[in-house]
PDB file of N, CA and C in Angstrom:
ATOM      1  N   UNK A   1       0.450  -1.278  -0.200  1.00  0.00           N
ATOM      2  CA  UNK A   1      -0.391  -0.153   0.274  1.00  0.00           C
ATOM      3  C   UNK A   1       1.243   1.340  -0.348  1.00  0.00           C
ATOM      4  N   UNK A   2       2.076   0.984   0.293  1.00  0.00           N
ATOM      5  CA  UNK A   2       2.931   2.470   1.040  1.00  0.00           C
ATOM      6  C   UNK A   2       3.067   2.841  -0.685  1.00  0.00           C
ATOM      7  N   UNK A   3       3.680   1.706  -1.613  1.00  0.00           N
ATOM      8  CA  UNK A   3       3.910   1.862  -2.725  1.00  0.00           C
ATOM      9  C   UNK A   3       3.203   3.036  -4.014  1.00  0.00           C
ATOM     10  N   UNK A   4       1.385   2.742  -3.916  1.00  0.00           N
ATOM     11  CA  UNK A   4      -0.021   2.936  -3.767  1.00  0.00           C
ATOM     12  C   UNK A   4       0.474   4.656  -3.962  1.00  0.00           C
ATOM     13  N   UNK A   5       0.109   5.205  -2.902  1.00  0.00           N
ATOM     14  CA  UNK A   5       0.211   6.178  -1.395  1.00  0.00           C
ATOM     15  C   UNK A   5       1.600   7.232  -2.755  1.00  0.00           C
ATOM     16  N   UNK A   6       2.602   5.834  -2.737  1.00  0.00           N
ATOM     17  CA  UNK A   6       3.964   7.527  -2.877  1.00  0.00           C
ATOM     18  C   UNK A   6       3.654   7.842  -4.074  1.00  0.00           C
ATOM     19  N   UNK A   7       3.373   7.185  -4.833  1.00  0.00           N
ATOM     20  CA  UNK A   7       2.847   6.883  -7.297  1.00  0.00           C
ATOM     21  C   UNK A   7       1.391   7.477  -7.008  1.00  0.00           C
ATOM     22  N   UNK A   8       0.950   7.799  -5.782  1.00  0.00           N
ATOM     23  CA  UNK A   8      -0.210   8.178  -5.925  1.00  0.00           C
ATOM     24  C   UNK A   8      -1.124   7.951  -7.190  1.00  0.00           C
ATOM     25  N   UNK A   9      -1.552   6.153  -6.931  1.00  0.00           N
ATOM     26  CA  UNK A   9      -2.391   5.172  -7.844  1.00  0.00           C
ATOM     27  C   UNK A   9      -3.730   5.924  -7.194  1.00  0.00           C
ATOM     28  N   UNK A  10      -4.193   5.639  -8.399  1.00  0.00           N
ATOM     29  CA  UNK A  10      -5.698   5.795  -8.092  1.00  0.00           C
ATOM     30  C   UNK A  10      -5.781   4.110  -7.431  1.00  0.00           C
ATOM     31  N   UNK A  11      -7.252   4.504  -6.120  1.00  0.00           N
ATOM     32  CA  UNK A  11      -7.805   3.574  -5.156  1.00  0.00           C
ATOM     33  C   UNK A  11      -8.071   2.188  -6.239  1.00  0.00           C
ATOM     34  N   UNK A  12      -8.208   2.907  -7.383  1.00  0.00           N
ATOM     35  CA  UNK A  12      -9.305   2.038  -8.154  1.00  0.00           C
ATOM     36  C   UNK A  12      -7.774   0.705  -8.633  1.00  0.00           C
ATOM     37  N   UNK A  13      -7.163   1.926  -9.641  1.00  0.00           N
ATOM     38  CA  UNK A  13      -5.379   1.440 -10.153  1.00  0.00           C
ATOM     39  C   UNK A  13      -4.579   0.699  -8.696  1.00  0.00           C
ATOM     40  N   UNK A  14      -5.568   0.389  -7.634  1.00  0.00           N
ATOM     41  CA  UNK A  14      -3.905   0.099  -6.576  1.00  0.00           C
ATOM     42  C   UNK A  14      -5.112  -1.681  -5.996  1.00  0.00           C
ATOM     43  N   UNK A  15      -6.536  -1.198  -6.215  1.00  0.00           N
ATOM     44  CA  UNK A  15      -7.266  -2.452  -5.879  1.00  0.00           C
ATOM     45  C   UNK A  15      -6.953  -3.302  -7.440  1.00  0.00           C
ATOM     46  N   UNK A  16      -6.722  -3.102  -8.985  1.00  0.00           N
ATOM     47  CA  UNK A  16      -6.349  -3.152  -9.593  1.00  0.00           C
ATOM     48  C   UNK A  16      -4.928  -4.451  -9.225  1.00  0.00           C
ATOM     49  N   UNK A  17      -4.632  -4.023  -8.811  1.00  0.00           N
ATOM     50  CA  UNK A  17      -3.656  -4.714  -8.412  1.00  0.00           C
ATOM     51  C   UNK A  17      -3.372  -5.696  -7.170  1.00  0.00           C
ATOM     52  N   UNK A  18      -4.325  -5.674  -5.719  1.00  0.00           N
ATOM     53  CA  UNK A  18      -3.781  -6.645  -5.486  1.00  0.00           C
ATOM     54  C   UNK A  18      -4.854  -8.110  -5.942  1.00  0.00           C
ATOM     55  N   UNK A  19      -5.750  -7.128  -6.036  1.00  0.00           N
ATOM     56  CA  UNK A  19      -6.853  -8.193  -7.080  1.00  0.00           C
ATOM     57  C   UNK A  19      -6.184  -8.546  -8.562  1.00  0.00           C
ATOM     58  N   UNK A  20      -5.982  -8.500  -9.095  1.00  0.00           N
ATOM     59  CA  UNK A  20      -4.844  -9.237  -9.915  1.00  0.00           C
ATOM     60  C   UNK A  20      -6.179 -10.201 -11.027  1.00  0.00           C
ATOM     61  N   UNK A  21      -7.613  -9.289 -11.411  1.00  0.00           N
ATOM     62  CA  UNK A  21      -7.649 -10.102 -11.788  1.00  0.00           C
ATOM     63  C   UNK A  21      -7.560  -9.791 -13.619  1.00  0.00           C
ATOM     64  N   UNK A  22      -7.476 -10.932 -13.996  1.00  0.00           N
ATOM     65  CA  UNK A  22      -7.022 -10.908 -15.995  1.00  0.00           C
ATOM     66  C   UNK A  22      -7.571  -9.850 -16.227  1.00  0.00           C
ATOM     67  N   UNK A  23      -9.359 -10.011 -16.575  1.00  0.00           N
ATOM     68  CA  UNK A  23      -9.785  -8.664 -16.839  1.00  0.00           C
ATOM     69  C   UNK A  23      -9.106  -7.273 -16.708  1.00  0.00           C
ATOM     70  N   UNK A  24      -8.782  -7.250 -16.013  1.00  0.00           N
ATOM     71  CA  UNK A  24      -8.258  -5.458 -15.217  1.00  0.00           C
ATOM     72  C   UNK A  24      -7.607  -4.790 -16.280  1.00  0.00           C
ATOM     73  N   UNK A  25      -6.117  -6.078 -17.103  1.00  0.00           N
ATOM     74  CA  UNK A  25      -4.674  -6.172 -17.921  1.00  0.00           C
ATOM     75  C   UNK A  25      -4.695  -6.255 -19.275  1.00  0.00           C
ATOM     76  N   UNK A  26      -4.076  -5.922 -20.458  1.00  0.00           N
ATOM     77  CA  UNK A  26      -3.268  -6.195 -20.778  1.00  0.00           C
ATOM     78  C   UNK A  26      -3.233  -7.586 -21.431  1.00  0.00           C
ATOM     79  N   UNK A  27      -3.713  -8.475 -21.879  1.00  0.00           N
ATOM     80  CA  UNK A  27      -3.388  -9.586 -21.170  1.00  0.00           C
ATOM     81  C   UNK A  27      -1.094 -10.204 -20.730  1.00  0.00           C
ATOM     82  N   UNK A  28      -0.878  -9.383 -21.869  1.00  0.00           N
ATOM     83  CA  UNK A  28       0.420 -10.284 -21.720  1.00  0.00           C
ATOM     84  C   UNK A  28       0.849  -9.572 -20.078  1.00  0.00           C
ATOM     85  N   UNK A  29       0.732  -8.151 -20.301  1.00  0.00           N
ATOM     86  CA  UNK A  29       0.846  -7.233 -18.839  1.00  0.00           C
ATOM     87  C   UNK A  29       0.406  -7.877 -17.946  1.00  0.00           C
ATOM     88  N   UNK A  30      -0.253  -8.543 -18.215  1.00  0.00           N
ATOM     89  CA  UNK A  30      -1.315  -9.284 -17.080  1.00  0.00           C
ATOM     90  C   UNK A  30      -0.505 -11.065 -16.431  1.00  0.00           C
ATOM     91  N   UNK A  31      -0.364 -11.784 -17.179  1.00  0.00           N
ATOM     92  CA  UNK A  31       1.546 -12.922 -16.935  1.00  0.00           C
ATOM     93  C   UNK A  31       2.545 -12.335 -16.613  1.00  0.00           C
ATOM     94  N   UNK A  32       2.517 -10.903 -17.165  1.00  0.00           N
ATOM     95  CA  UNK A  32       3.858 -10.678 -16.233  1.00  0.00           C
ATOM     96  C   UNK A  32       3.674 -10.013 -14.592  1.00  0.00           C
ATOM     97  N   UNK A  33       2.860  -9.592 -14.279  1.00  0.00           N
ATOM     98  CA  UNK A  33       2.372  -9.896 -12.846  1.00  0.00           C
ATOM     99  C   UNK A  33       1.918 -11.099 -11.763  1.00  0.00           C
ATOM    100  N   UNK A  34       0.738 -11.365 -12.679  1.00  0.00           N
ATOM    101  CA  UNK A  34       1.084 -12.937 -11.707  1.00  0.00           C
ATOM    102  C   UNK A  34       1.822 -13.639 -11.660  1.00  0.00           C
ATOM    103  N   UNK A  35       3.192 -14.066 -13.013  1.00  0.00           N
ATOM    104  CA  UNK A  35       4.338 -14.294 -12.790  1.00  0.00           C
ATOM    105  C   UNK A  35       4.757 -13.152 -11.561  1.00  0.00           C
ATOM    106  N   UNK A  36       4.669 -12.994 -11.680  1.00  0.00           N
ATOM    107  CA  UNK A  36       6.013 -11.409 -10.096  1.00  0.00           C
ATOM    108  C   UNK A  36       5.214 -12.229  -8.500  1.00  0.00           C
ATOM    109  N   UNK A  37       3.749 -12.118  -8.748  1.00  0.00           N
ATOM    110  CA  UNK A  37       2.857 -13.299  -7.575  1.00  0.00           C
ATOM    111  C   UNK A  37       3.312 -13.784  -7.523  1.00  0.00           C
ATOM    112  N   UNK A  38       3.443 -15.108  -8.320  1.00  0.00           N
ATOM    113  CA  UNK A  38       3.704 -16.378  -7.988  1.00  0.00           C
ATOM    114  C   UNK A  38       4.851 -16.571  -7.614  1.00  0.00           C
ATOM    115  N   UNK A  39       5.507 -15.774  -7.797  1.00  0.00           N
ATOM    116  CA  UNK A  39       7.273 -15.039  -7.791  1.00  0.00           C
ATOM    117  C   UNK A  39       7.264 -15.028  -5.825  1.00  0.00           C
ATOM    118  N   UNK A  40       5.947 -14.455  -5.786  1.00  0.00           N
ATOM    119  CA  UNK A  40       6.681 -13.954  -4.736  1.00  0.00           C
ATOM    120  C   UNK A  40       5.797 -14.194  -3.802  1.00  0.00           C
ATOM    121  N   UNK A  41       4.719 -15.560  -4.054  1.00  0.00           N
ATOM    122  CA  UNK A  41       4.023 -16.942  -3.266  1.00  0.00           C
ATOM    123  C   UNK A  41       4.951 -17.867  -2.722  1.00  0.00           C
ATOM    124  N   UNK A  42       5.940 -17.519  -3.629  1.00  0.00           N
ATOM    125  CA  UNK A  42       6.345 -19.304  -3.337  1.00  0.00           C
ATOM    126  C   UNK A  42       8.048 -19.282  -2.870  1.00  0.00           C
ATOM    127  N   UNK A  43       7.928 -17.621  -2.276  1.00  0.00           N
ATOM    128  CA  UNK A  43       9.476 -17.537  -1.457  1.00  0.00           C
ATOM    129  C   UNK A  43      10.384 -16.944  -1.721  1.00  0.00           C
ATOM    130  N   UNK A  44      10.119 -16.072  -2.947  1.00  0.00           N
ATOM    131  CA  UNK A  44      11.323 -15.698  -3.991  1.00  0.00           C
ATOM    132  C   UNK A  44      12.165 -17.595  -5.587  1.00  0.00           C
ATOM    133  N   UNK A  45      11.266 -17.717  -4.844  1.00  0.00           N
ATOM    134  CA  UNK A  45      10.917 -19.374  -6.789  1.00  0.00           C
ATOM    135  C   UNK A  45      11.285 -19.375  -7.600  1.00  0.00           C
ATOM    136  N   UNK A  46      11.180 -19.159  -8.947  1.00  0.00           N
ATOM    137  CA  UNK A  46      10.706 -18.364  -9.886  1.00  0.00           C
ATOM    138  C   UNK A  46       9.326 -20.493 -10.159  1.00  0.00           C
ATOM    139  N   UNK A  47       8.244 -19.458 -10.927  1.00  0.00           N
ATOM    140  CA  UNK A  47       7.307 -20.331 -11.030  1.00  0.00           C
ATOM    141  C   UNK A  47       7.607 -21.158 -11.987  1.00  0.00           C
ATOM    142  N   UNK A  48       6.890 -22.070 -11.652  1.00  0.00           N
ATOM    143  CA  UNK A  48       6.751 -23.029 -12.637  1.00  0.00           C
ATOM    144  C   UNK A  48       5.657 -23.434 -13.831  1.00  0.00           C
ATOM    145  N   UNK A  49       5.586 -24.370 -14.384  1.00  0.00           N
ATOM    146  CA  UNK A  49       4.506 -24.645 -14.776  1.00  0.00           C
ATOM    147  C   UNK A  49       3.184 -23.032 -15.912  1.00  0.00           C
ATOM    148  N   UNK A  50       2.169 -23.371 -15.739  1.00  0.00           N
ATOM    149  CA  UNK A  50       1.542 -22.274 -16.824  1.00  0.00           C
ATOM    150  C   UNK A  50       1.321 -21.304 -16.933  1.00  0.00           C
ATOM    151  N   UNK A  51       1.655 -20.973 -15.686  1.00  0.00           N
ATOM    152  CA  UNK A  51       2.012 -18.358 -15.669  1.00  0.00           C
ATOM    153  C   UNK A  51       3.578 -19.191 -16.040  1.00  0.00           C
ATOM    154  N   UNK A  52       4.331 -19.105 -15.679  1.00  0.00           N
ATOM    155  CA  UNK A  52       6.368 -19.734 -16.221  1.00  0.00           C
ATOM    156  C   UNK A  52       5.945 -20.583 -18.386  1.00  0.00           C
ATOM    157  N   UNK A  53       5.190 -20.880 -18.270  1.00  0.00           N
ATOM    158  CA  UNK A  53       5.142 -20.857 -19.894  1.00  0.00           C
ATOM    159  C   UNK A  53       4.555 -20.072 -20.791  1.00  0.00           C
ATOM    160  N   UNK A  54       3.624 -18.951 -20.449  1.00  0.00           N
ATOM    161  CA  UNK A  54       2.824 -18.385 -21.027  1.00  0.00           C
ATOM    162  C   UNK A  54       3.766 -17.203 -20.113  1.00  0.00           C
ATOM    163  N   UNK A  55       4.956 -16.713 -19.323  1.00  0.00           N
ATOM    164  CA  UNK A  55       5.341 -15.874 -19.347  1.00  0.00           C
ATOM    165  C   UNK A  55       6.676 -15.936 -20.515  1.00  0.00           C
ATOM    166  N   UNK A  56       6.837 -16.885 -20.664  1.00  0.00           N
ATOM    167  CA  UNK A  56       8.194 -17.512 -21.777  1.00  0.00           C
ATOM    168  C   UNK A  56       7.436 -17.186 -23.043  1.00  0.00           C
ATOM    169  N   UNK A  57       6.463 -17.536 -23.606  1.00  0.00           N
ATOM    170  CA  UNK A  57       5.761 -17.657 -25.276  1.00  0.00           C
ATOM    171  C   UNK A  57       5.426 -16.103 -25.289  1.00  0.00           C
ATOM    172  N   UNK A  58       5.355 -15.343 -24.070  1.00  0.00           N
ATOM    173  CA  UNK A  58       4.957 -13.732 -24.688  1.00  0.00           C
ATOM    174  C   UNK A  58       5.561 -12.523 -24.582  1.00  0.00           C
ATOM    175  N   UNK A  59       7.029 -13.166 -23.018  1.00  0.00           N
ATOM    176  CA  UNK A  59       7.817 -11.703 -23.919  1.00  0.00           C
ATOM    177  C   UNK A  59       9.155 -12.997 -23.610  1.00  0.00           C
ATOM    178  N   UNK A  60      10.742 -12.615 -24.799  1.00  0.00           N
ATOM    179  CA  UNK A  60      12.037 -11.975 -25.493  1.00  0.00           C
ATOM    180  C   UNK A  60      12.227 -12.436 -23.857  1.00  0.00           C
ATOM    181  N   UNK A  61      13.625 -13.366 -23.866  1.00  0.00           N
ATOM    182  CA  UNK A  61      14.854 -13.988 -22.647  1.00  0.00           C
ATOM    183  C   UNK A  61      15.180 -12.145 -22.633  1.00  0.00           C
ATOM    184  N   UNK A  62      15.422 -11.683 -22.812  1.00  0.00           N
ATOM    185  CA  UNK A  62      15.960  -9.801 -22.566  1.00  0.00           C
ATOM    186  C   UNK A  62      14.885  -9.678 -22.236  1.00  0.00           C
ATOM    187  N   UNK A  63      13.536  -8.966 -21.991  1.00  0.00           N
ATOM    188  CA  UNK A  63      12.601  -8.510 -21.511  1.00  0.00           C
ATOM    189  C   UNK A  63      12.310  -9.439 -20.506  1.00  0.00           C
ATOM    190  N   UNK A  64      12.198 -10.904 -20.305  1.00  0.00           N
ATOM    191  CA  UNK A  64      12.515 -11.598 -18.737  1.00  0.00           C
ATOM    192  C   UNK A  64      13.256 -11.487 -17.813  1.00  0.00           C
ATOM    193  N   UNK A  65      15.051 -11.162 -18.210  1.00  0.00           N
ATOM    194  CA  UNK A  65      15.881 -10.594 -16.995  1.00  0.00           C
ATOM    195  C   UNK A  65      15.402  -9.519 -16.781  1.00  0.00           C
ATOM    196  N   UNK A  66      14.688  -8.713 -17.796  1.00  0.00           N
ATOM    197  CA  UNK A  66      14.690  -7.112 -17.351  1.00  0.00           C
ATOM    198  C   UNK A  66      13.885  -6.911 -16.008  1.00  0.00           C
ATOM    199  N   UNK A  67      12.499  -8.189 -16.315  1.00  0.00           N
ATOM    200  CA  UNK A  67      11.149  -8.413 -15.477  1.00  0.00           C
ATOM    201  C   UNK A  67      11.530  -9.830 -13.893  1.00  0.00           C
ATOM    202  N   UNK A  68      12.669 -10.357 -14.207  1.00  0.00           N
ATOM    203  CA  UNK A  68      13.240 -10.340 -12.704  1.00  0.00           C
ATOM    204  C   UNK A  68      14.333  -9.742 -11.780  1.00  0.00           C
ATOM    205  N   UNK A  69      14.974  -9.046 -12.609  1.00  0.00           N
ATOM    206  CA  UNK A  69      15.543  -8.620 -12.439  1.00  0.00           C
ATOM    207  C   UNK A  69      14.802  -7.109 -11.128  1.00  0.00           C
ATOM    208  N   UNK A  70      13.763  -7.265 -11.540  1.00  0.00           N
ATOM    209  CA  UNK A  70      13.533  -5.673 -10.942  1.00  0.00           C
ATOM    210  C   UNK A  70      12.286  -6.208  -9.662  1.00  0.00           C
ATOM    211  N   UNK A  71      11.956  -7.580 -10.071  1.00  0.00           N
ATOM    212  CA  UNK A  71      11.161  -8.640  -9.395  1.00  0.00           C
ATOM    213  C   UNK A  71      12.466  -8.613  -7.584  1.00  0.00           C
ATOM    214  N   UNK A  72      13.210  -9.226  -7.925  1.00  0.00           N
ATOM    215  CA  UNK A  72      14.804  -9.306  -7.113  1.00  0.00           C
ATOM    216  C   UNK A  72      14.622  -8.031  -6.384  1.00  0.00           C
ATOM    217  N   UNK A  73      14.867  -7.069  -7.329  1.00  0.00           N
ATOM    218  CA  UNK A  73      14.825  -6.179  -6.562  1.00  0.00           C
ATOM    219  C   UNK A  73      14.137  -5.275  -5.054  1.00  0.00           C
ATOM    220  N   UNK A  74      12.574  -5.520  -6.451  1.00  0.00           N
ATOM    221  CA  UNK A  74      11.554  -5.240  -5.098  1.00  0.00           C
ATOM    222  C   UNK A  74      11.301  -5.873  -4.098  1.00  0.00           C
ATOM    223  N   UNK A  75      11.311  -7.481  -3.281  1.00  0.00           N
ATOM    224  CA  UNK A  75      11.603  -8.240  -2.999  1.00  0.00           C
ATOM    225  C   UNK A  75      13.548  -7.549  -1.961  1.00  0.00           C
ATOM    226  N   UNK A  76      14.396  -7.754  -2.541  1.00  0.00           N
ATOM    227  CA  UNK A  76      15.564  -6.087  -1.565  1.00  0.00           C
ATOM    228  C   UNK A  76      14.817  -5.372  -0.272  1.00  0.00           C
ATOM    229  N   UNK A  77      14.088  -4.681  -1.459  1.00  0.00           N
ATOM    230  CA  UNK A  77      13.445  -3.563  -1.297  1.00  0.00           C
ATOM    231  C   UNK A  77      12.205  -3.613  -0.064  1.00  0.00           C
ATOM    232  N   UNK A  78      11.320  -5.414   0.134  1.00  0.00           N
ATOM    233  CA  UNK A  78      10.438  -5.941   1.297  1.00  0.00           C
ATOM    234  C   UNK A  78      11.191  -5.775   1.968  1.00  0.00           C
ATOM    235  N   UNK A  79      12.884  -6.664   1.956  1.00  0.00           N
ATOM    236  CA  UNK A  79      13.360  -6.894   2.560  1.00  0.00           C
ATOM    237  C   UNK A  79      13.833  -5.907   3.505  1.00  0.00           C
ATOM    238  N   UNK A  80      14.421  -5.094   3.144  1.00  0.00           N
ATOM    239  CA  UNK A  80      15.142  -3.270   4.038  1.00  0.00           C
ATOM    240  C   UNK A  80      14.010  -2.441   4.365  1.00  0.00           C
ATOM    241  N   UNK A  81      12.988  -2.220   4.275  1.00  0.00           N
ATOM    242  CA  UNK A  81      11.268  -1.495   4.691  1.00  0.00           C
ATOM    243  C   UNK A  81      11.468  -3.010   5.579  1.00  0.00           C
ATOM    244  N   UNK A  82      11.652  -3.787   5.482  1.00  0.00           N
ATOM    245  CA  UNK A  82      11.348  -5.025   7.145  1.00  0.00           C
ATOM    246  C   UNK A  82      12.074  -4.497   8.188  1.00  0.00           C
ATOM    247  N   UNK A  83      12.985  -3.885   7.716  1.00  0.00           N
ATOM    248  CA  UNK A  83      14.276  -4.305   8.882  1.00  0.00           C
ATOM    249  C   UNK A  83      13.955  -2.774   8.700  1.00  0.00           C
ATOM    250  N   UNK A  84      13.798  -1.739   8.221  1.00  0.00           N
ATOM    251  CA  UNK A  84      13.300  -0.153   8.760  1.00  0.00           C
ATOM    252  C   UNK A  84      12.916  -0.181   9.319  1.00  0.00           C
ATOM    253  N   UNK A  85      11.635  -1.226   9.586  1.00  0.00           N
ATOM    254  CA  UNK A  85      10.426  -0.944  10.416  1.00  0.00           C
ATOM    255  C   UNK A  85      10.540  -2.154  12.240  1.00  0.00           C
ATOM    256  N   UNK A  86      12.240  -2.414  11.729  1.00  0.00           N
ATOM    257  CA  UNK A  86      12.507  -3.741  13.034  1.00  0.00           C
ATOM    258  C   UNK A  86      11.664  -5.242  12.770  1.00  0.00           C
ATOM    259  N   UNK A  87      11.007  -5.509  10.789  1.00  0.00           N
ATOM    260  CA  UNK A  87      10.413  -6.634  11.368  1.00  0.00           C
ATOM    261  C   UNK A  87      11.479  -8.073  10.664  1.00  0.00           C
ATOM    262  N   UNK A  88      12.133  -7.916  12.047  1.00  0.00           N
ATOM    263  CA  UNK A  88      13.101  -8.664  11.191  1.00  0.00           C
ATOM    264  C   UNK A  88      12.689 -10.167  10.215  1.00  0.00           C
ATOM    265  N   UNK A  89      13.790 -10.583   9.070  1.00  0.00           N
ATOM    266  CA  UNK A  89      13.026 -12.580   9.152  1.00  0.00           C
ATOM    267  C   UNK A  89      13.731 -13.048   9.703  1.00  0.00           C
ATOM    268  N   UNK A  90      12.987 -13.730   9.974  1.00  0.00           N
ATOM    269  CA  UNK A  90      13.615 -15.194  10.548  1.00  0.00           C
ATOM    270  C   UNK A  90      13.260 -16.255   9.223  1.00  0.00           C
ATOM    271  N   UNK A  91      13.226 -17.185   9.854  1.00  0.00           N
ATOM    272  CA  UNK A  91      14.297 -18.118   8.148  1.00  0.00           C
ATOM    273  C   UNK A  91      12.639 -19.735   8.956  1.00  0.00           C
ATOM    274  N   UNK A  92      12.344 -20.666   7.953  1.00  0.00           N
ATOM    275  CA  UNK A  92      11.383 -20.708   8.471  1.00  0.00           C
ATOM    276  C   UNK A  92      11.761 -21.537   7.490  1.00  0.00           C
ATOM    277  N   UNK A  93      11.372 -22.675   7.380  1.00  0.00           N
ATOM    278  CA  UNK A  93      10.516 -23.951   6.740  1.00  0.00           C
ATOM    279  C   UNK A  93       9.556 -23.971   6.304  1.00  0.00           C
ATOM    280  N   UNK A  94       8.989 -23.540   6.531  1.00  0.00           N
ATOM    281  CA  UNK A  94       7.517 -23.017   6.380  1.00  0.00           C
ATOM    282  C   UNK A  94       7.165 -21.411   5.812  1.00  0.00           C
ATOM    283  N   UNK A  95       6.851 -21.778   4.442  1.00  0.00           N
ATOM    284  CA  UNK A  95       6.119 -20.093   3.394  1.00  0.00           C
ATOM    285  C   UNK A  95       4.675 -20.514   4.524  1.00  0.00           C
ATOM    286  N   UNK A  96       4.451 -18.929   4.390  1.00  0.00           N
ATOM    287  CA  UNK A  96       3.867 -18.135   4.822  1.00  0.00           C
ATOM    288  C   UNK A  96       3.387 -16.908   3.552  1.00  0.00           C
ATOM    289  N   UNK A  97       2.232 -17.652   3.506  1.00  0.00           N
ATOM    290  CA  UNK A  97       1.676 -16.376   2.523  1.00  0.00           C
ATOM    291  C   UNK A  97       0.169 -15.743   2.952  1.00  0.00           C
ATOM    292  N   UNK A  98       0.325 -13.904   2.373  1.00  0.00           N
ATOM    293  CA  UNK A  98      -1.165 -13.542   2.760  1.00  0.00           C
ATOM    294  C   UNK A  98      -1.486 -13.452   2.429  1.00  0.00           C
ATOM    295  N   UNK A  99      -2.979 -14.633   2.001  1.00  0.00           N
ATOM    296  CA  UNK A  99      -3.436 -14.169   0.548  1.00  0.00           C
ATOM    297  C   UNK A  99      -4.490 -12.905   0.695  1.00  0.00           C
ATOM    298  N   UNK A 100      -5.093 -12.389  -0.278  1.00  0.00           N
ATOM    299  CA  UNK A 100      -5.771 -10.555  -0.752  1.00  0.00           C
ATOM    300  C   UNK A 100      -6.834 -11.574  -1.782  1.00  0.00           C
ATOM    301  N   UNK A 101      -7.145 -12.498  -1.171  1.00  0.00           N
ATOM    302  CA  UNK A 101      -8.275 -12.989  -2.170  1.00  0.00           C
ATOM    303  C   UNK A 101      -8.984 -10.902  -3.239  1.00  0.00           C
ATOM    304  N   UNK A 102      -9.587 -12.294  -4.203  1.00  0.00           N
ATOM    305  CA  UNK A 102     -11.130 -11.007  -5.730  1.00  0.00           C
ATOM    306  C   UNK A 102     -11.776  -9.732  -4.944  1.00  0.00           C
ATOM    307  N   UNK A 103     -12.202 -10.566  -4.215  1.00  0.00           N
ATOM    308  CA  UNK A 103     -13.126 -10.449  -3.139  1.00  0.00           C
ATOM    309  C   UNK A 103     -12.895  -9.259  -2.283  1.00  0.00           C
ATOM    310  N   UNK A 104     -11.841  -8.892  -1.940  1.00  0.00           N
ATOM    311  CA  UNK A 104     -11.193  -7.671  -1.210  1.00  0.00           C
ATOM    312  C   UNK A 104     -12.253  -5.961  -1.333  1.00  0.00           C
ATOM    313  N   UNK A 105     -13.089  -5.870  -0.592  1.00  0.00           N
ATOM    314  CA  UNK A 105     -13.520  -4.788  -0.700  1.00  0.00           C
ATOM    315  C   UNK A 105     -13.005  -3.368   0.551  1.00  0.00           C
ATOM    316  N   UNK A 106     -13.355  -1.795  -0.136  1.00  0.00           N
ATOM    317  CA  UNK A 106     -13.247  -1.057   1.236  1.00  0.00           C
ATOM    318  C   UNK A 106     -12.163  -0.735   1.101  1.00  0.00           C
ATOM    319  N   UNK A 107     -11.597   0.195   1.924  1.00  0.00           N
ATOM    320  CA  UNK A 107     -10.965   1.605   1.141  1.00  0.00           C
ATOM    321  C   UNK A 107      -9.695   1.267   1.902  1.00  0.00           C
ATOM    322  N   UNK A 108      -8.679   2.036   1.060  1.00  0.00           N
ATOM    323  CA  UNK A 108      -7.331   1.454   0.962  1.00  0.00           C
ATOM    324  C   UNK A 108      -6.474   2.517   1.970  1.00  0.00           C
ATOM    325  N   UNK A 109      -6.769   3.712   2.260  1.00  0.00           N
ATOM    326  CA  UNK A 109      -6.542   4.955   2.999  1.00  0.00           C
ATOM    327  C   UNK A 109      -6.345   4.177   4.187  1.00  0.00           C
TER     328      UNK A 109
END
């Protein structure tokens, strides 16, 4: 949510990014966002399966490399912000994911 406020995204844009419904994006853009989401959900491991296949199909090698670099930079930024806010990273064998479903409603402020 901080990114949305800093970049001054509208609430609709921010909600679209949270919900990540395919109909709210061009397909190619949605695939990249879904790929990044899957990467995050799996604790930084590259996704596999249908999303990974579609990602390879719709993006060149160079484009995929840039997108993956951005994903890694964002992960580093998230860890840095957690450290600044004294939320230390705890190594765990269990991957924890906070799922935000597409039925999310309400005010983001």
